[in-house]
Protein backbone atom coordinates (compact mmCIF):
# COMPACT_ATOMS: atom_id res chain seq x y z
CA MET A 1 -170.79 -164.68 18.37
CA SER A 2 -173.83 -166.70 19.21
CA GLU A 3 -177.14 -165.30 17.82
CA TRP A 4 -178.90 -165.10 21.13
CA PHE A 5 -176.79 -161.92 22.31
CA ARG A 6 -175.43 -159.00 20.50
CA GLN A 7 -172.91 -156.31 21.68
CA ALA A 8 -173.79 -152.65 20.64
CA ALA A 9 -170.90 -150.04 19.84
CA ASP A 10 -171.54 -148.35 23.33
CA GLY A 11 -171.22 -151.67 25.09
CA ARG A 12 -174.73 -152.45 25.97
CA ILE A 13 -175.54 -156.18 25.44
CA THR A 14 -178.86 -157.66 23.94
CA LEU A 15 -180.19 -160.66 24.97
CA THR A 16 -182.82 -162.75 23.17
CA LEU A 17 -184.69 -165.03 25.34
CA HIS A 18 -187.49 -167.91 25.38
CA ILE A 19 -189.27 -167.94 28.82
CA GLN A 20 -191.01 -170.78 30.12
CA PRO A 21 -192.67 -169.38 33.42
CA GLY A 22 -194.31 -171.43 36.07
CA ALA A 23 -191.49 -174.00 36.06
CA LYS A 24 -190.37 -176.04 39.28
CA LYS A 25 -187.35 -173.89 39.31
CA THR A 26 -185.51 -171.35 38.11
CA GLU A 27 -182.81 -172.34 35.53
CA PHE A 28 -181.36 -172.13 32.18
CA ALA A 29 -182.89 -174.59 29.82
CA GLY A 30 -180.33 -174.34 26.54
CA LEU A 31 -180.84 -172.92 23.08
CA HIS A 32 -184.71 -172.47 21.82
CA GLY A 33 -184.02 -171.72 18.05
CA ASP A 34 -182.07 -168.05 18.21
CA ALA A 35 -183.09 -167.54 21.78
CA LEU A 36 -181.72 -168.66 25.04
CA LYS A 37 -184.41 -170.33 26.87
CA ILE A 38 -184.74 -169.91 30.90
CA ARG A 39 -187.12 -171.75 33.08
CA LEU A 40 -188.66 -169.45 35.57
CA ALA A 41 -190.41 -170.75 38.88
CA ALA A 42 -192.28 -167.59 39.10
CA PRO A 43 -196.16 -167.50 37.41
CA PRO A 44 -196.70 -165.27 34.50
CA VAL A 45 -198.98 -163.27 36.26
CA ASP A 46 -198.97 -159.67 37.15
CA GLY A 47 -195.53 -159.07 35.73
CA LYS A 48 -194.00 -161.57 38.40
CA ALA A 49 -192.25 -163.54 35.67
CA ASN A 50 -190.71 -160.56 34.57
CA GLU A 51 -189.29 -159.60 37.68
CA ALA A 52 -188.11 -162.79 38.42
CA LEU A 53 -186.41 -162.78 35.10
CA VAL A 54 -184.78 -159.46 35.66
CA ARG A 55 -183.61 -160.66 38.89
CA PHE A 56 -182.14 -163.98 37.97
CA VAL A 57 -180.18 -162.48 35.12
CA ALA A 58 -178.65 -159.77 37.37
CA GLU A 59 -178.09 -161.86 40.09
CA THR A 60 -176.22 -164.45 37.52
CA LEU A 61 -174.04 -161.86 35.88
CA LYS A 62 -173.64 -160.19 39.26
CA LEU A 63 -175.15 -156.87 38.21
CA PRO A 64 -177.52 -154.83 40.28
CA LYS A 65 -180.95 -155.01 38.99
CA SER A 66 -180.91 -151.32 37.43
CA ALA A 67 -178.11 -152.67 34.92
CA VAL A 68 -180.73 -155.19 33.26
CA THR A 69 -183.72 -153.77 31.70
CA LEU A 70 -186.58 -155.60 29.65
CA LYS A 71 -186.94 -153.85 26.49
CA SER A 72 -189.95 -156.05 24.59
CA GLY A 73 -191.88 -158.96 25.30
CA GLN A 74 -193.59 -158.00 28.29
CA THR A 75 -196.48 -160.14 27.56
CA SER A 76 -194.89 -162.65 25.42
CA ARG A 77 -192.57 -165.91 26.07
CA ARG A 78 -189.89 -164.23 23.69
CA LYS A 79 -188.14 -161.16 25.46
CA VAL A 80 -185.62 -159.23 24.41
CA ILE A 81 -183.29 -157.92 27.56
CA GLU A 82 -180.56 -155.09 27.64
CA VAL A 83 -177.52 -155.43 29.98
CA GLN A 84 -175.03 -152.80 30.93
CA GLY A 85 -171.99 -153.08 32.67
CA SER A 86 -171.11 -156.68 31.35
CA ASP A 87 -168.84 -157.97 29.34
CA ILE A 88 -168.99 -160.57 26.05
CA ALA A 89 -166.79 -163.39 28.26
CA SER A 90 -169.59 -162.79 31.17
CA ILE A 91 -172.58 -163.32 28.51
CA ALA A 92 -170.74 -166.19 26.78
CA ALA A 93 -170.79 -168.02 30.47
CA PHE A 94 -174.19 -166.88 31.40
CA ALA A 95 -175.92 -170.01 29.56
CA ALA A 96 -173.26 -172.08 31.15
CA ALA A 97 -173.91 -171.10 34.46
């Protein structure tokens, strides 16, 4: 299992992400220490980057936005997201998308 995601006993999966807002396009950018780096086209203003991140994760995993929750890091580049309704195989393929 990778260090950037963990599965809880109840099936919820926690992702540790490093975010680069204001990029040219939204995409995965590999690992950044113990986190998965994601570049977001959205600016880090008024929560737009956080909204774009939740939408990007949900769309990539083919889940509704309500299944993806930003748990910590609302004003930080390092964020922790919780995902419900996915599996480890989908999460492992997440970075390769």
